[in-house]
Amino acid sequence: MKYISNLHTHTTYCDGKNTIEENILYAIEKNFISLGFSGHSYLQFDNSSMSIENTIKYFEDIKKFKEIYKDKIQIYSGIEADYYSNINANLDYRIGSVHFIKDDNNNYFPIDASKQNFENTLKHFGNIKEVILRYYNNVIDMINNQKPDIIGHLDLIRKYNFNKEYFTEEEDWYIEKINEVIEAIKNSNSIVEINTRKMNKDNLNAHYPSTYTIKKLLKLNIHITINTDAHSANALDYFYYEMAEKLKTLGCTKIKMLIDNSFKDISLN
């Protein structure tokens, strides 16, 4: 690949371990062409999201360091907008993600905070199918009505199911729901991120979305990008090149990158 870039980056302003400048310096060292920051949007009930005060400082810092390092790397100002924050700020880009579902009494339940929390969510709703359908209904509504530039970790609901502990993704109802989600994406202008955060040398298939879904996206010519969902600077390129190689084996020839203030097609060769 000629370039490397990451648009899903968290800092000390939310649940990341490194500052904005520390992330930029690592990206420059690794010859990134661009780097985008995507702090978690403020949610009153989520401790991992940015506070209102930190959100203001976050944007000020991005603006400051974008100017300081403009001759070395392109820096972009973004946010990971949770479905329930419904944020629509004027940014360089917006990642839309679903991290919660809610019950009929407007109580919110996390689906990725921890395995114990996930099991508590399952217990509350009674069964895994109900949880999954509510999750994907939120994803579909987000795509149709919030129109994010990038869809974050599309099937995050699989986080604790890589060993098929809770359900099998080959079940008809699950495939039908995934196809419904993909149809919504096809009718949108959103880019789907291929998120490498959970990948490791022992499980190269632990990525979002699943290989099955990636194949469906490619068949429909839906735009994709590679993001590492970095929560530390040294994770900015985490399994990035491995994912690029895998995409090539699936027939993918190009991905989207934010370069020169617009999303461009970049060859994987």
Protein backbone atom coordinates (compact mmCIF):
# COMPACT_ATOMS: atom_id res chain seq x y z
CA MET A 1 0.00 0.00 0.00
CA LYS A 2 1.18 3.50 -0.77
CA TYR A 3 -0.46 5.08 2.29
CA ILE A 4 -1.62 4.22 5.78
CA SER A 5 -4.29 6.08 7.72
CA ASN A 6 -6.57 5.58 10.72
CA LEU A 7 -9.74 7.49 11.54
CA HIS A 8 -10.89 5.61 14.65
CA THR A 9 -8.65 6.98 17.41
CA HIS A 10 -9.34 7.54 21.10
CA THR A 11 -7.35 9.71 23.47
CA THR A 12 -7.14 10.61 27.16
CA TYR A 13 -10.18 12.83 26.62
CA CYS A 14 -12.32 9.67 26.70
CA ASP A 15 -11.11 6.10 27.28
CA GLY A 16 -7.79 6.25 25.42
CA LYS A 17 -4.36 5.98 27.04
CA ASN A 18 -2.44 8.61 25.07
CA THR A 19 -2.80 12.31 24.34
CA ILE A 20 -3.63 13.74 20.95
CA GLU A 21 -0.02 14.81 20.40
CA GLU A 22 1.37 11.40 21.43
CA ASN A 23 -0.86 9.74 18.86
CA ILE A 24 0.24 12.19 16.18
CA LEU A 25 3.93 11.61 16.90
CA TYR A 26 3.51 7.84 16.64
CA ALA A 27 1.61 8.21 13.36
CA ILE A 28 4.35 10.42 11.93
CA GLU A 29 6.97 7.85 12.99
CA LYS A 30 4.98 5.16 11.15
CA ASN A 31 4.66 7.32 8.01
CA PHE A 32 0.89 7.82 8.18
CA ILE A 33 -0.48 10.17 5.55
CA SER A 34 -3.48 11.08 7.70
CA LEU A 35 -4.85 10.55 11.19
CA GLY A 36 -8.35 11.24 12.43
CA PHE A 37 -9.53 11.52 16.01
CA SER A 38 -12.88 10.10 17.05
CA GLY A 39 -13.52 10.62 20.74
CA HIS A 40 -16.65 9.05 22.22
CA SER A 41 -19.49 11.55 22.06
CA TYR A 42 -20.95 12.71 25.35
CA LEU A 43 -23.55 10.42 26.91
CA GLN A 44 -24.86 11.22 30.35
CA PHE A 45 -25.04 7.54 31.31
CA ASP A 46 -21.65 6.44 29.87
CA ASN A 47 -18.48 7.02 31.89
CA SER A 48 -16.23 6.14 28.94
CA SER A 49 -17.53 9.01 26.81
CA MET A 50 -16.10 12.52 26.71
CA SER A 51 -17.52 15.00 29.18
CA ILE A 52 -18.92 18.24 27.81
CA GLU A 53 -15.84 20.06 29.13
CA ASN A 54 -13.44 17.54 27.62
CA THR A 55 -15.25 17.69 24.29
CA ILE A 56 -14.48 21.41 24.05
CA LYS A 57 -10.81 20.85 24.99
CA TYR A 58 -10.60 17.91 22.57
CA PHE A 59 -11.58 20.02 19.57
CA GLU A 60 -9.27 22.85 20.66
CA ASP A 61 -6.34 20.43 20.92
CA ILE A 62 -7.00 18.88 17.52
CA LYS A 63 -7.09 22.33 15.93
CA LYS A 64 -3.84 23.33 17.66
CA PHE A 65 -1.86 20.22 16.74
CA LYS A 66 -3.26 20.11 13.23
CA GLU A 67 -1.54 23.45 12.64
CA ILE A 68 1.69 22.48 14.42
CA TYR A 69 2.18 19.27 12.41
CA LYS A 70 0.58 20.31 9.12
CA ASP A 71 3.82 19.82 7.19
CA LYS A 72 4.24 16.23 8.43
CA ILE A 73 0.77 14.67 8.53
CA GLN A 74 -2.85 15.45 7.73
CA ILE A 75 -4.96 15.64 10.91
CA TYR A 76 -8.76 15.39 10.89
CA SER A 77 -11.34 16.25 13.50
CA GLY A 78 -14.00 13.63 14.02
CA ILE A 79 -16.12 11.97 16.66
CA GLU A 80 -17.50 8.54 17.38
CA ALA A 81 -21.14 9.48 17.71
CA ASP A 82 -23.07 6.94 19.73
CA TYR A 83 -26.55 6.22 18.40
CA TYR A 84 -28.16 7.63 21.53
CA SER A 85 -26.16 10.86 21.54
CA ASN A 86 -27.62 11.75 18.13
CA ILE A 87 -24.86 14.30 17.59
CA ASN A 88 -24.70 16.12 14.28
CA ALA A 89 -21.78 18.53 14.67
CA ASN A 90 -19.89 20.19 11.83
CA LEU A 91 -16.81 17.94 11.71
CA ASP A 92 -14.43 16.53 9.13
CA TYR A 93 -16.19 13.17 9.54
CA ARG A 94 -18.43 11.25 11.90
CA ILE A 95 -18.27 7.59 12.90
CA GLY A 96 -21.70 6.26 13.85
CA SER A 97 -21.69 3.45 16.41
CA VAL A 98 -24.13 1.53 18.56
CA HIS A 99 -22.91 0.64 22.06
CA PHE A 100 -26.22 0.39 23.90
CA ILE A 101 -29.74 -0.90 23.56
CA LYS A 102 -32.67 0.14 25.71
CA ASP A 103 -35.78 -1.52 27.04
CA ASP A 104 -39.37 -0.32 26.80
CA ASN A 105 -38.92 1.72 30.00
CA ASN A 106 -35.99 3.68 28.52
CA ASN A 107 -33.35 1.92 30.58
CA TYR A 108 -30.00 1.67 28.73
CA PHE A 109 -27.89 -1.48 28.60
CA PRO A 110 -24.30 -1.75 27.23
CA ILE A 111 -23.49 -4.51 24.80
CA ASP A 112 -19.68 -4.25 24.84
CA ALA A 113 -18.62 -2.89 28.26
CA SER A 114 -17.69 -6.27 29.73
CA LYS A 115 -18.75 -9.89 29.48
CA GLN A 116 -20.52 -9.66 32.83
CA ASN A 117 -22.45 -6.59 31.68
CA PHE A 118 -23.34 -8.40 28.49
CA GLU A 119 -24.69 -11.34 30.44
CA ASN A 120 -26.68 -8.95 32.64
CA THR A 121 -28.15 -7.46 29.47
CA LEU A 122 -29.09 -10.92 28.23
CA LYS A 123 -30.71 -11.73 31.54
CA HIS A 124 -32.75 -8.53 31.47
CA PHE A 125 -34.08 -9.06 27.95
CA GLY A 126 -34.55 -12.79 28.35
CA ASN A 127 -32.74 -14.14 25.29
CA ILE A 128 -29.93 -13.42 22.87
CA LYS A 129 -32.19 -13.03 19.84
CA GLU A 130 -34.05 -10.12 21.42
CA VAL A 131 -30.77 -8.38 22.27
CA ILE A 132 -29.37 -8.86 18.77
CA LEU A 133 -32.51 -7.68 17.01
CA ARG A 134 -32.67 -4.54 19.16
CA TYR A 135 -28.99 -3.88 18.44
CA TYR A 136 -29.34 -4.20 14.68
CA ASN A 137 -32.56 -2.20 14.65
CA ASN A 138 -30.56 0.62 16.23
CA VAL A 139 -27.87 0.21 13.57
CA ILE A 140 -30.44 0.40 10.78
CA ASP A 141 -32.12 3.46 12.28
CA MET A 142 -28.72 5.12 12.72
CA ILE A 143 -27.83 4.50 9.08
CA ASN A 144 -31.17 5.74 7.76
CA ASN A 145 -31.65 8.78 9.97
CA GLN A 146 -28.27 9.89 11.33
CA LYS A 147 -26.36 9.18 8.10
CA PRO A 148 -22.84 8.73 9.49
CA ASP A 149 -19.84 9.07 7.21
CA ILE A 150 -18.46 5.81 8.60
CA ILE A 151 -20.26 2.95 10.32
CA GLY A 152 -18.23 1.82 13.32
CA HIS A 153 -17.71 -1.86 14.24
CA LEU A 154 -20.88 -2.89 12.42
CA ASP A 155 -21.47 -6.18 14.24
CA LEU A 156 -20.08 -5.27 17.66
CA ILE A 157 -22.77 -7.51 19.13
CA ARG A 158 -20.40 -10.39 18.25
CA LYS A 159 -17.74 -9.17 20.71
CA TYR A 160 -18.29 -11.97 23.23
CA ASN A 161 -19.36 -14.53 20.67
CA PHE A 162 -16.19 -15.24 18.70
CA ASN A 163 -16.32 -18.79 20.06
CA LYS A 164 -20.07 -19.00 19.37
CA GLU A 165 -20.81 -19.12 23.06
CA TYR A 166 -24.16 -17.34 22.78
CA PHE A 167 -25.41 -17.95 19.23
CA THR A 168 -24.35 -19.19 15.81
CA GLU A 169 -24.19 -16.70 12.99
CA GLU A 170 -25.41 -19.32 10.52
CA GLU A 171 -28.94 -19.25 11.93
CA ASP A 172 -31.54 -18.10 9.41
CA TRP A 173 -32.90 -15.28 11.55
CA TYR A 174 -29.40 -13.86 12.08
CA ILE A 175 -28.50 -13.98 8.39
CA GLU A 176 -31.83 -12.35 7.53
CA LYS A 177 -31.15 -9.49 9.94
CA ILE A 178 -27.60 -8.96 8.68
CA ASN A 179 -28.94 -8.82 5.12
CA GLU A 180 -31.44 -6.18 6.23
CA VAL A 181 -28.59 -4.11 7.68
CA ILE A 182 -26.55 -4.47 4.50
CA GLU A 183 -29.53 -3.37 2.41
CA ALA A 184 -29.76 -0.18 4.50
CA ILE A 185 -26.04 0.44 3.98
CA LYS A 186 -26.37 -0.10 0.23
CA ASN A 187 -29.01 2.64 0.11
CA SER A 188 -26.81 5.05 2.06
CA ASN A 189 -23.57 6.90 1.41
CA SER A 190 -21.89 5.47 4.49
CA ILE A 191 -18.50 3.79 4.46
CA VAL A 192 -18.15 0.61 6.53
CA GLU A 193 -15.04 0.34 8.67
CA ILE A 194 -13.21 -2.94 8.91
CA ASN A 195 -12.27 -2.75 12.57
CA THR A 196 -9.12 -4.64 13.62
CA ARG A 197 -9.14 -3.94 17.36
CA LYS A 198 -9.92 -7.50 18.53
CA MET A 199 -7.66 -9.28 16.04
CA ASN A 200 -4.65 -11.18 17.34
CA LYS A 201 -2.09 -13.63 16.00
CA ASP A 202 -4.16 -16.58 17.22
CA ASN A 203 -7.42 -15.33 15.74
CA LEU A 204 -7.09 -13.29 12.56
CA ASN A 205 -10.86 -13.58 12.09
CA ALA A 206 -11.65 -11.57 15.23
CA HIS A 207 -12.57 -8.42 13.35
CA TYR A 208 -15.72 -6.40 12.76
CA PRO A 209 -17.62 -7.08 10.61
CA SER A 210 -17.31 -10.82 10.05
CA THR A 211 -15.75 -12.30 6.92
CA TYR A 212 -19.24 -13.30 5.73
CA THR A 213 -20.44 -9.72 5.98
CA ILE A 214 -17.30 -8.30 4.36
CA LYS A 215 -17.89 -10.59 1.36
CA LYS A 216 -21.47 -9.33 1.09
CA LEU A 217 -20.29 -5.71 1.25
CA LEU A 218 -17.71 -6.27 -1.47
CA LYS A 219 -20.22 -8.04 -3.70
CA LEU A 220 -22.48 -4.98 -3.51
CA ASN A 221 -19.56 -2.56 -4.07
CA ILE A 222 -20.15 -0.91 -0.70
CA HIS A 223 -17.26 1.35 0.30
CA ILE A 224 -15.01 0.15 3.11
CA THR A 225 -12.08 1.50 5.09
CA ILE A 226 -9.65 -0.02 7.59
CA ASN A 227 -9.69 1.37 11.14
CA THR A 228 -7.86 0.07 14.19
CA ASP A 229 -10.11 1.59 16.86
CA ALA A 230 -6.93 2.59 18.66
CA HIS A 231 -7.10 3.26 22.39
CA SER A 232 -3.33 3.74 22.61
CA ALA A 233 -0.82 5.27 20.23
CA ASN A 234 1.00 2.01 19.53
CA ALA A 235 -2.28 0.49 18.34
CA LEU A 236 -2.77 2.98 15.51
CA ASP A 237 -1.46 0.46 12.97
CA TYR A 238 -2.62 -2.64 14.88
CA PHE A 239 -3.08 -5.49 12.37
CA TYR A 240 -3.65 -2.85 9.67
CA TYR A 241 -1.45 -4.47 7.05
CA GLU A 242 -2.66 -7.96 7.93
CA MET A 243 -6.22 -6.79 7.33
CA ALA A 244 -5.24 -5.21 4.03
CA GLU A 245 -3.76 -8.53 2.90
CA LYS A 246 -6.88 -10.41 3.96
CA LEU A 247 -9.09 -8.00 2.05
CA LYS A 248 -7.04 -8.66 -1.07
CA THR A 249 -7.65 -12.40 -0.72
CA LEU A 250 -11.39 -11.62 -0.60
CA GLY A 251 -11.18 -9.77 -3.90
CA CYS A 252 -11.01 -6.23 -2.54
CA THR A 253 -8.81 -3.92 -4.61
CA LYS A 254 -9.33 -0.53 -2.94
CA ILE A 255 -10.38 1.12 0.30
CA LYS A 256 -11.44 4.62 1.24
CA MET A 257 -9.05 7.02 2.96
CA LEU A 258 -9.57 10.59 4.11
CA ILE A 259 -6.87 12.50 2.25
CA ASP A 260 -6.77 16.15 1.16
CA ASN A 261 -10.13 16.76 2.86
CA SER A 262 -12.11 14.13 0.98
CA PHE A 263 -12.61 10.36 0.97
CA LYS A 264 -10.54 8.90 -1.85
CA ASP A 265 -10.18 5.41 -3.31
CA ILE A 266 -6.74 4.02 -2.45
CA SER A 267 -5.42 0.86 -4.10
CA LEU A 268 -4.48 -2.06 -1.85
CA ASN A 269 -1.70 -3.04 -4.27
